[in-house]
């Protein structure tokens, strides 16, 4: 999960799978960590028989009995707090912070929370899920979704998601729509970067006539620097590092990378 979690509860024989993140939880402490840090992923169907079975395997029989008894009548957010309290992984100050965030989510407007959830899905690589949410909000006629600044942010999210899926024509179109709502130069920069990455993508040059002289040249230089730097990091670096190993280790390394990339792809597909 990316963090070292000290656990006291028994390890479950059957892990709790979180499809949105592609991870498996084995202890009650790991479940608490997931609830606390991924609240935007959790909906009212979270407390079900699968969760109760997992808690029983973790030795949390009393907690499972409480949730089973209260799940149809008690406030959903309070039930999440009960889980955190009974597992004792977070202190009182942290629990108060969680309570405040849960209360905010419970009282905020539906569209605002959906926008936050779409942004969250984008941040964890669930690109198709985020696209569906952004598009649904853009189709809404609510006061929230019709605000120019909000709409610009929704189109920007669409642009980012499509660009990360290499759907460059839709990404450029979304950034242009964002610019129509909010004349922020960053959207033009994104369109130009897409043009440099994918020259065949339609390029609305009429949007760039008012830019200061030299701006496009500066963005092009920025792009070249980023392109050179990209070879030193991430997947490109990991692949390059394997080239110097012997055949057996190189093959094993490539298989591990392919498995990792497949998992990332499945997560982003939603």
C-alpha atoms as a PDB file:
ATOM      1  CA  UNK A   1       0.000   0.000   0.000  1.00  0.00           C
ATOM      2  CA  UNK A   2       3.016   2.242  -0.048  1.00  0.00           C
ATOM      3  CA  UNK A   3       3.123   2.674   3.742  1.00  0.00           C
ATOM      4  CA  UNK A   4       4.359   0.511   6.620  1.00  0.00           C
ATOM      5  CA  UNK A   5       1.368  -0.309   8.826  1.00  0.00           C
ATOM      6  CA  UNK A   6       1.921  -1.918  12.213  1.00  0.00           C
ATOM      7  CA  UNK A   7      -0.904  -4.369  12.840  1.00  0.00           C
ATOM      8  CA  UNK A   8      -2.233  -6.072  15.936  1.00  0.00           C
ATOM      9  CA  UNK A   9      -5.292  -7.814  14.531  1.00  0.00           C
ATOM     10  CA  UNK A  10      -5.105 -11.269  12.899  1.00  0.00           C
ATOM     11  CA  UNK A  11      -4.370 -11.494   9.191  1.00  0.00           C
ATOM     12  CA  UNK A  12      -7.453 -12.481   7.172  1.00  0.00           C
ATOM     13  CA  UNK A  13      -7.270 -15.721   5.214  1.00  0.00           C
ATOM     14  CA  UNK A  14      -9.230 -14.070   2.397  1.00  0.00           C
ATOM     15  CA  UNK A  15      -8.137 -10.495   1.653  1.00  0.00           C
ATOM     16  CA  UNK A  16     -10.556  -7.646   1.044  1.00  0.00           C
ATOM     17  CA  UNK A  17     -10.094  -6.532  -2.556  1.00  0.00           C
ATOM     18  CA  UNK A  18     -10.411  -2.842  -3.478  1.00  0.00           C
ATOM     19  CA  UNK A  19     -10.927  -2.825  -7.280  1.00  0.00           C
ATOM     20  CA  UNK A  20     -10.588   0.964  -7.621  1.00  0.00           C
ATOM     21  CA  UNK A  21      -6.993   0.760  -6.360  1.00  0.00           C
ATOM     22  CA  UNK A  22      -6.120  -2.787  -7.377  1.00  0.00           C
ATOM     23  CA  UNK A  23      -5.025  -3.644  -3.816  1.00  0.00           C
ATOM     24  CA  UNK A  24      -5.826  -6.337  -1.259  1.00  0.00           C
ATOM     25  CA  UNK A  25      -6.269  -5.622   2.439  1.00  0.00           C
ATOM     26  CA  UNK A  26      -5.331  -8.288   4.979  1.00  0.00           C
ATOM     27  CA  UNK A  27      -5.862  -6.670   8.384  1.00  0.00           C
ATOM     28  CA  UNK A  28      -8.314  -4.392  10.163  1.00  0.00           C
ATOM     29  CA  UNK A  29      -5.602  -1.735  10.398  1.00  0.00           C
ATOM     30  CA  UNK A  30      -5.162  -1.749   6.625  1.00  0.00           C
ATOM     31  CA  UNK A  31      -8.931  -1.392   6.261  1.00  0.00           C
ATOM     32  CA  UNK A  32      -8.855   1.623   8.584  1.00  0.00           C
ATOM     33  CA  UNK A  33      -6.065   3.170   6.541  1.00  0.00           C
ATOM     34  CA  UNK A  34      -8.077   2.675   3.366  1.00  0.00           C
ATOM     35  CA  UNK A  35     -11.221   4.256   4.837  1.00  0.00           C
ATOM     36  CA  UNK A  36      -9.335   7.198   6.290  1.00  0.00           C
ATOM     37  CA  UNK A  37      -7.324   8.017   3.174  1.00  0.00           C
ATOM     38  CA  UNK A  38      -9.737   7.099   0.376  1.00  0.00           C
ATOM     39  CA  UNK A  39     -13.041   8.433   1.615  1.00  0.00           C
ATOM     40  CA  UNK A  40     -14.016   9.582  -1.874  1.00  0.00           C
ATOM     41  CA  UNK A  41     -13.998   5.964  -3.050  1.00  0.00           C
ATOM     42  CA  UNK A  42     -16.418   4.747  -0.404  1.00  0.00           C
ATOM     43  CA  UNK A  43     -20.170   4.795  -0.965  1.00  0.00           C
ATOM     44  CA  UNK A  44     -23.168   3.589   0.978  1.00  0.00           C
ATOM     45  CA  UNK A  45     -22.869   0.064  -0.370  1.00  0.00           C
ATOM     46  CA  UNK A  46     -19.516  -0.334   1.382  1.00  0.00           C
ATOM     47  CA  UNK A  47     -20.926  -1.936   4.534  1.00  0.00           C
ATOM     48  CA  UNK A  48     -22.067  -5.259   3.146  1.00  0.00           C
ATOM     49  CA  UNK A  49     -21.648  -8.971   3.859  1.00  0.00           C
ATOM     50  CA  UNK A  50     -18.246  -9.027   2.169  1.00  0.00           C
ATOM     51  CA  UNK A  51     -16.937  -6.403   4.578  1.00  0.00           C
ATOM     52  CA  UNK A  52     -18.505  -8.103   7.612  1.00  0.00           C
ATOM     53  CA  UNK A  53     -16.947 -11.449   6.671  1.00  0.00           C
ATOM     54  CA  UNK A  54     -13.557  -9.780   6.316  1.00  0.00           C
ATOM     55  CA  UNK A  55     -13.853  -8.140   9.743  1.00  0.00           C
ATOM     56  CA  UNK A  56     -14.726 -11.471  11.348  1.00  0.00           C
ATOM     57  CA  UNK A  57     -11.637 -13.048   9.776  1.00  0.00           C
ATOM     58  CA  UNK A  58      -9.606 -10.187  11.266  1.00  0.00           C
ATOM     59  CA  UNK A  59     -10.903 -11.057  14.723  1.00  0.00           C
ATOM     60  CA  UNK A  60     -13.286  -8.084  14.827  1.00  0.00           C
ATOM     61  CA  UNK A  61     -16.388 -10.134  15.673  1.00  0.00           C
ATOM     62  CA  UNK A  62     -17.898  -7.529  17.988  1.00  0.00           C
ATOM     63  CA  UNK A  63     -17.394  -4.758  15.427  1.00  0.00           C
ATOM     64  CA  UNK A  64     -18.956  -6.900  12.680  1.00  0.00           C
ATOM     65  CA  UNK A  65     -21.964  -7.600  14.931  1.00  0.00           C
ATOM     66  CA  UNK A  66     -22.426  -3.860  15.609  1.00  0.00           C
ATOM     67  CA  UNK A  67     -22.336  -2.986  11.939  1.00  0.00           C
ATOM     68  CA  UNK A  68     -24.741  -5.775  11.042  1.00  0.00           C
ATOM     69  CA  UNK A  69     -27.141  -4.621  13.726  1.00  0.00           C
ATOM     70  CA  UNK A  70     -26.956  -0.907  12.896  1.00  0.00           C
ATOM     71  CA  UNK A  71     -26.297  -0.764   9.126  1.00  0.00           C
ATOM     72  CA  UNK A  72     -29.942  -0.298   8.122  1.00  0.00           C
ATOM     73  CA  UNK A  73     -30.729   2.446  10.625  1.00  0.00           C
ATOM     74  CA  UNK A  74     -27.582   4.328  11.636  1.00  0.00           C
ATOM     75  CA  UNK A  75     -25.983   7.187   9.700  1.00  0.00           C
ATOM     76  CA  UNK A  76     -23.519   5.785   7.142  1.00  0.00           C
ATOM     77  CA  UNK A  77     -20.721   8.189   8.065  1.00  0.00           C
ATOM     78  CA  UNK A  78     -21.089   7.372  11.745  1.00  0.00           C
ATOM     79  CA  UNK A  79     -20.698   3.687  10.918  1.00  0.00           C
ATOM     80  CA  UNK A  80     -17.407   4.421   9.195  1.00  0.00           C
ATOM     81  CA  UNK A  81     -16.314   6.272  12.309  1.00  0.00           C
ATOM     82  CA  UNK A  82     -17.312   3.254  14.441  1.00  0.00           C
ATOM     83  CA  UNK A  83     -14.953   1.104  12.367  1.00  0.00           C
ATOM     84  CA  UNK A  84     -12.065   3.521  12.880  1.00  0.00           C
ATOM     85  CA  UNK A  85     -12.775   3.842  16.607  1.00  0.00           C
ATOM     86  CA  UNK A  86     -13.010   0.101  17.242  1.00  0.00           C
ATOM     87  CA  UNK A  87      -9.845  -0.771  15.320  1.00  0.00           C
ATOM     88  CA  UNK A  88      -7.843   1.846  17.312  1.00  0.00           C
ATOM     89  CA  UNK A  89      -5.427   2.670  14.502  1.00  0.00           C
ATOM     90  CA  UNK A  90      -6.036   6.453  14.653  1.00  0.00           C
ATOM     91  CA  UNK A  91      -5.882   8.778  17.644  1.00  0.00           C
ATOM     92  CA  UNK A  92      -8.605  11.128  18.844  1.00  0.00           C
ATOM     93  CA  UNK A  93      -7.329  14.149  16.917  1.00  0.00           C
ATOM     94  CA  UNK A  94      -7.188  12.160  13.685  1.00  0.00           C
ATOM     95  CA  UNK A  95     -10.703  10.820  14.276  1.00  0.00           C
ATOM     96  CA  UNK A  96     -12.029  14.362  14.729  1.00  0.00           C
ATOM     97  CA  UNK A  97     -10.431  15.340  11.430  1.00  0.00           C
ATOM     98  CA  UNK A  98     -12.135  12.376   9.776  1.00  0.00           C
ATOM     99  CA  UNK A  99     -15.482  13.268  11.358  1.00  0.00           C
ATOM    100  CA  UNK A 100     -15.201  16.842  10.026  1.00  0.00           C
ATOM    101  CA  UNK A 101     -14.409  15.644   6.494  1.00  0.00           C
ATOM    102  CA  UNK A 102     -17.256  13.102   6.554  1.00  0.00           C
ATOM    103  CA  UNK A 103     -19.653  15.814   7.757  1.00  0.00           C
ATOM    104  CA  UNK A 104     -18.527  18.101   4.930  1.00  0.00           C
ATOM    105  CA  UNK A 105     -19.136  15.404   2.330  1.00  0.00           C
ATOM    106  CA  UNK A 106     -22.540  14.614   3.831  1.00  0.00           C
ATOM    107  CA  UNK A 107     -23.673  18.252   3.656  1.00  0.00           C
ATOM    108  CA  UNK A 108     -22.062  19.474   0.416  1.00  0.00           C
ATOM    109  CA  UNK A 109     -24.109  19.530  -2.755  1.00  0.00           C
ATOM    110  CA  UNK A 110     -24.174  16.365  -4.839  1.00  0.00           C
ATOM    111  CA  UNK A 111     -22.522  17.994  -7.859  1.00  0.00           C
ATOM    112  CA  UNK A 112     -19.617  19.414  -5.860  1.00  0.00           C
ATOM    113  CA  UNK A 113     -18.886  16.042  -4.286  1.00  0.00           C
ATOM    114  CA  UNK A 114     -19.098  14.332  -7.674  1.00  0.00           C
ATOM    115  CA  UNK A 115     -16.615  16.890  -9.022  1.00  0.00           C
ATOM    116  CA  UNK A 116     -14.226  16.130  -6.165  1.00  0.00           C
ATOM    117  CA  UNK A 117     -14.662  12.409  -6.722  1.00  0.00           C
ATOM    118  CA  UNK A 118     -13.956  12.817 -10.453  1.00  0.00           C
ATOM    119  CA  UNK A 119     -10.765  14.720  -9.616  1.00  0.00           C
ATOM    120  CA  UNK A 120      -9.819  11.987  -7.154  1.00  0.00           C
ATOM    121  CA  UNK A 121     -10.430   9.236  -9.716  1.00  0.00           C
ATOM    122  CA  UNK A 122      -8.219  11.178 -12.129  1.00  0.00           C
ATOM    123  CA  UNK A 123      -5.460  11.419  -9.511  1.00  0.00           C
ATOM    124  CA  UNK A 124      -5.376   7.638  -8.969  1.00  0.00           C
ATOM    125  CA  UNK A 125      -5.432   6.777 -12.662  1.00  0.00           C
ATOM    126  CA  UNK A 126      -9.097   5.789 -13.007  1.00  0.00           C
ATOM    127  CA  UNK A 127      -9.371   7.814 -16.189  1.00  0.00           C
ATOM    128  CA  UNK A 128     -12.548   6.358 -17.693  1.00  0.00           C
ATOM    129  CA  UNK A 129     -14.389   6.699 -14.388  1.00  0.00           C
ATOM    130  CA  UNK A 130     -13.332  10.353 -14.151  1.00  0.00           C
ATOM    131  CA  UNK A 131     -14.376  11.011 -17.761  1.00  0.00           C
ATOM    132  CA  UNK A 132     -17.852   9.608 -17.112  1.00  0.00           C
ATOM    133  CA  UNK A 133     -18.248  11.836 -14.052  1.00  0.00           C
ATOM    134  CA  UNK A 134     -16.969  14.983 -15.770  1.00  0.00           C
ATOM    135  CA  UNK A 135     -19.291  14.408 -18.726  1.00  0.00           C
ATOM    136  CA  UNK A 136     -22.280  13.776 -16.481  1.00  0.00           C
ATOM    137  CA  UNK A 137     -21.621  17.032 -14.629  1.00  0.00           C
ATOM    138  CA  UNK A 138     -21.195  18.955 -17.884  1.00  0.00           C
ATOM    139  CA  UNK A 139     -24.598  17.676 -18.994  1.00  0.00           C
ATOM    140  CA  UNK A 140     -26.157  18.932 -15.762  1.00  0.00           C
ATOM    141  CA  UNK A 141     -28.060  22.201 -15.782  1.00  0.00           C
ATOM    142  CA  UNK A 142     -27.578  22.910 -12.082  1.00  0.00           C
ATOM    143  CA  UNK A 143     -26.277  26.263 -10.874  1.00  0.00           C
ATOM    144  CA  UNK A 144     -23.053  24.577  -9.776  1.00  0.00           C
ATOM    145  CA  UNK A 145     -22.285  22.954 -13.121  1.00  0.00           C
ATOM    146  CA  UNK A 146     -23.150  26.101 -15.104  1.00  0.00           C
ATOM    147  CA  UNK A 147     -20.608  28.312 -13.332  1.00  0.00           C
ATOM    148  CA  UNK A 148     -17.900  29.346 -15.804  1.00  0.00           C
ATOM    149  CA  UNK A 149     -14.981  28.638 -13.456  1.00  0.00           C
ATOM    150  CA  UNK A 150     -16.415  25.240 -12.532  1.00  0.00           C
ATOM    151  CA  UNK A 151     -17.074  24.328 -16.169  1.00  0.00           C
ATOM    152  CA  UNK A 152     -13.522  25.299 -17.069  1.00  0.00           C
ATOM    153  CA  UNK A 153     -12.280  22.939 -14.357  1.00  0.00           C
ATOM    154  CA  UNK A 154     -14.512  20.127 -15.618  1.00  0.00           C
ATOM    155  CA  UNK A 155     -13.262  20.544 -19.188  1.00  0.00           C
ATOM    156  CA  UNK A 156      -9.685  20.708 -17.897  1.00  0.00           C
ATOM    157  CA  UNK A 157     -10.203  17.396 -16.060  1.00  0.00           C
ATOM    158  CA  UNK A 158     -11.543  15.882 -19.278  1.00  0.00           C
ATOM    159  CA  UNK A 159      -8.495  17.166 -21.123  1.00  0.00           C
ATOM    160  CA  UNK A 160      -6.080  15.640 -18.625  1.00  0.00           C
ATOM    161  CA  UNK A 161      -7.872  12.271 -18.620  1.00  0.00           C
ATOM    162  CA  UNK A 162      -8.003  12.042 -22.416  1.00  0.00           C
ATOM    163  CA  UNK A 163      -4.368  13.128 -22.762  1.00  0.00           C
ATOM    164  CA  UNK A 164      -3.244  10.420 -20.325  1.00  0.00           C
ATOM    165  CA  UNK A 165      -5.192   7.913 -22.415  1.00  0.00           C
ATOM    166  CA  UNK A 166      -3.430   9.261 -25.541  1.00  0.00           C
ATOM    167  CA  UNK A 167      -6.754  10.427 -27.022  1.00  0.00           C
ATOM    168  CA  UNK A 168      -5.201  13.690 -28.098  1.00  0.00           C
ATOM    169  CA  UNK A 169      -7.947  15.084 -30.319  1.00  0.00           C
ATOM    170  CA  UNK A 170     -10.496  14.911 -27.510  1.00  0.00           C
ATOM    171  CA  UNK A 171      -7.948  16.285 -25.038  1.00  0.00           C
ATOM    172  CA  UNK A 172      -7.241  19.337 -27.229  1.00  0.00           C
ATOM    173  CA  UNK A 173     -10.965  19.877 -27.748  1.00  0.00           C
ATOM    174  CA  UNK A 174     -11.590  19.769 -23.996  1.00  0.00           C
ATOM    175  CA  UNK A 175      -8.809  22.286 -23.291  1.00  0.00           C
ATOM    176  CA  UNK A 176     -10.242  24.605 -25.946  1.00  0.00           C
ATOM    177  CA  UNK A 177     -13.638  24.404 -24.242  1.00  0.00           C
ATOM    178  CA  UNK A 178     -11.970  25.176 -20.910  1.00  0.00           C
ATOM    179  CA  UNK A 179     -10.349  28.249 -22.472  1.00  0.00           C
ATOM    180  CA  UNK A 180     -13.739  29.378 -23.796  1.00  0.00           C
ATOM    181  CA  UNK A 181     -15.026  29.394 -20.215  1.00  0.00           C
ATOM    182  CA  UNK A 182     -11.954  30.896 -18.590  1.00  0.00           C
ATOM    183  CA  UNK A 183      -9.290  32.738 -20.612  1.00  0.00           C
ATOM    184  CA  UNK A 184      -6.403  31.190 -18.708  1.00  0.00           C
ATOM    185  CA  UNK A 185      -3.213  30.791 -20.697  1.00  0.00           C
ATOM    186  CA  UNK A 186      -2.503  27.401 -19.128  1.00  0.00           C
ATOM    187  CA  UNK A 187      -5.175  25.832 -21.342  1.00  0.00           C
ATOM    188  CA  UNK A 188      -3.475  27.171 -24.480  1.00  0.00           C
ATOM    189  CA  UNK A 189      -0.180  25.792 -23.196  1.00  0.00           C
ATOM    190  CA  UNK A 190      -1.771  22.343 -22.824  1.00  0.00           C
ATOM    191  CA  UNK A 191      -3.169  22.498 -26.374  1.00  0.00           C
ATOM    192  CA  UNK A 192       0.231  23.471 -27.747  1.00  0.00           C
ATOM    193  CA  UNK A 193       1.977  20.686 -25.837  1.00  0.00           C
ATOM    194  CA  UNK A 194      -0.487  18.211 -27.341  1.00  0.00           C
ATOM    195  CA  UNK A 195       0.308  19.623 -30.784  1.00  0.00           C
ATOM    196  CA  UNK A 196       4.025  19.031 -30.157  1.00  0.00           C
ATOM    197  CA  UNK A 197       3.399  15.473 -28.960  1.00  0.00           C
ATOM    198  CA  UNK A 198       0.899  14.687 -31.705  1.00  0.00           C
ATOM    199  CA  UNK A 199       1.332  17.054 -34.702  1.00  0.00           C
ATOM    200  CA  UNK A 200      -1.575  15.416 -36.552  1.00  0.00           C
ATOM    201  CA  UNK A 201      -4.010  16.486 -33.837  1.00  0.00           C
ATOM    202  CA  UNK A 202      -6.188  19.446 -35.010  1.00  0.00           C
ATOM    203  CA  UNK A 203      -4.624  22.688 -33.819  1.00  0.00           C
ATOM    204  CA  UNK A 204      -6.882  25.738 -33.227  1.00  0.00           C
ATOM    205  CA  UNK A 205      -4.233  28.282 -34.191  1.00  0.00           C
ATOM    206  CA  UNK A 206      -6.745  31.158 -34.043  1.00  0.00           C
ATOM    207  CA  UNK A 207      -6.704  30.903 -30.245  1.00  0.00           C
ATOM    208  CA  UNK A 208      -2.996  31.779 -30.128  1.00  0.00           C
ATOM    209  CA  UNK A 209      -2.954  35.080 -32.055  1.00  0.00           C
ATOM    210  CA  UNK A 210      -3.154  37.201 -28.910  1.00  0.00           C
ATOM    211  CA  UNK A 211      -0.226  35.515 -27.161  1.00  0.00           C
ATOM    212  CA  UNK A 212       2.893  37.510 -26.365  1.00  0.00           C
ATOM    213  CA  UNK A 213       5.721  37.104 -28.923  1.00  0.00           C
ATOM    214  CA  UNK A 214       8.030  34.263 -27.993  1.00  0.00           C
ATOM    215  CA  UNK A 215       5.487  32.392 -25.884  1.00  0.00           C
ATOM    216  CA  UNK A 216       5.242  29.446 -28.283  1.00  0.00           C
ATOM    217  CA  UNK A 217       9.020  29.245 -28.542  1.00  0.00           C
ATOM    218  CA  UNK A 218       9.301  29.161 -24.761  1.00  0.00           C
ATOM    219  CA  UNK A 219       6.712  26.368 -24.551  1.00  0.00           C
ATOM    220  CA  UNK A 220       8.526  24.417 -27.276  1.00  0.00           C
ATOM    221  CA  UNK A 221      11.796  24.685 -25.333  1.00  0.00           C
ATOM    222  CA  UNK A 222       9.982  23.575 -22.193  1.00  0.00           C
ATOM    223  CA  UNK A 223       8.583  20.581 -24.058  1.00  0.00           C
ATOM    224  CA  UNK A 224      12.014  19.534 -25.364  1.00  0.00           C
ATOM    225  CA  UNK A 225      13.531  19.774 -21.882  1.00  0.00           C
ATOM    226  CA  UNK A 226      10.706  17.674 -20.437  1.00  0.00           C
ATOM    227  CA  UNK A 227      11.056  15.095 -23.211  1.00  0.00           C
ATOM    228  CA  UNK A 228      14.763  14.669 -22.528  1.00  0.00           C
ATOM    229  CA  UNK A 229      14.178  14.449 -18.792  1.00  0.00           C
ATOM    230  CA  UNK A 230      11.422  11.849 -19.206  1.00  0.00           C
ATOM    231  CA  UNK A 231      13.963   9.324 -20.460  1.00  0.00           C
ATOM    232  CA  UNK A 232      15.612   9.390 -17.024  1.00  0.00           C
ATOM    233  CA  UNK A 233      12.495   8.553 -14.996  1.00  0.00           C
ATOM    234  CA  UNK A 234       9.594   6.170 -14.676  1.00  0.00           C
ATOM    235  CA  UNK A 235       8.950   3.395 -17.184  1.00  0.00           C
ATOM    236  CA  UNK A 236      11.627   4.557 -19.618  1.00  0.00           C
ATOM    237  CA  UNK A 237      14.313   4.437 -16.945  1.00  0.00           C
ATOM    238  CA  UNK A 238      13.091   1.112 -15.568  1.00  0.00           C
ATOM    239  CA  UNK A 239      13.247  -0.421 -19.046  1.00  0.00           C
ATOM    240  CA  UNK A 240      16.669   1.030 -19.805  1.00  0.00           C
ATOM    241  CA  UNK A 241      18.139  -0.275 -16.534  1.00  0.00           C
ATOM    242  CA  UNK A 242      17.237  -3.833 -17.521  1.00  0.00           C
ATOM    243  CA  UNK A 243      19.274  -3.703 -20.741  1.00  0.00           C
ATOM    244  CA  UNK A 244      22.551  -4.227 -18.863  1.00  0.00           C
ATOM    245  CA  UNK A 245      21.452  -7.373 -17.029  1.00  0.00           C
ATOM    246  CA  UNK A 246      21.998 -10.951 -18.100  1.00  0.00           C
ATOM    247  CA  UNK A 247      19.331 -12.705 -20.205  1.00  0.00           C
ATOM    248  CA  UNK A 248      17.585 -14.437 -17.295  1.00  0.00           C
ATOM    249  CA  UNK A 249      17.327 -11.327 -15.109  1.00  0.00           C
ATOM    250  CA  UNK A 250      16.420  -9.108 -18.048  1.00  0.00           C
ATOM    251  CA  UNK A 251      13.580 -11.432 -19.058  1.00  0.00           C
ATOM    252  CA  UNK A 252      12.299 -11.664 -15.467  1.00  0.00           C
ATOM    253  CA  UNK A 253      12.485  -7.883 -15.163  1.00  0.00           C
ATOM    254  CA  UNK A 254      10.538  -7.344 -18.376  1.00  0.00           C
ATOM    255  CA  UNK A 255       7.840  -9.780 -17.234  1.00  0.00           C
ATOM    256  CA  UNK A 256       7.521  -7.916 -13.923  1.00  0.00           C
ATOM    257  CA  UNK A 257       7.203  -4.585 -15.732  1.00  0.00           C
ATOM    258  CA  UNK A 258       4.582  -5.955 -18.126  1.00  0.00           C
ATOM    259  CA  UNK A 259       2.574  -7.325 -15.198  1.00  0.00           C
ATOM    260  CA  UNK A 260       2.752  -3.946 -13.454  1.00  0.00           C
ATOM    261  CA  UNK A 261       1.686  -2.082 -16.598  1.00  0.00           C
ATOM    262  CA  UNK A 262      -1.220  -4.472 -17.148  1.00  0.00           C
ATOM    263  CA  UNK A 263      -2.433  -3.802 -13.610  1.00  0.00           C
ATOM    264  CA  UNK A 264      -2.207  -0.037 -14.202  1.00  0.00           C
ATOM    265  CA  UNK A 265      -4.160  -0.417 -17.455  1.00  0.00           C
ATOM    266  CA  UNK A 266      -6.926  -2.440 -15.803  1.00  0.00           C
ATOM    267  CA  UNK A 267      -7.257   0.173 -13.055  1.00  0.00           C
ATOM    268  CA  UNK A 268      -7.502   3.080 -15.500  1.00  0.00           C
ATOM    269  CA  UNK A 269     -10.123   1.224 -17.547  1.00  0.00           C
ATOM    270  CA  UNK A 270     -12.431   1.270 -14.499  1.00  0.00           C
END
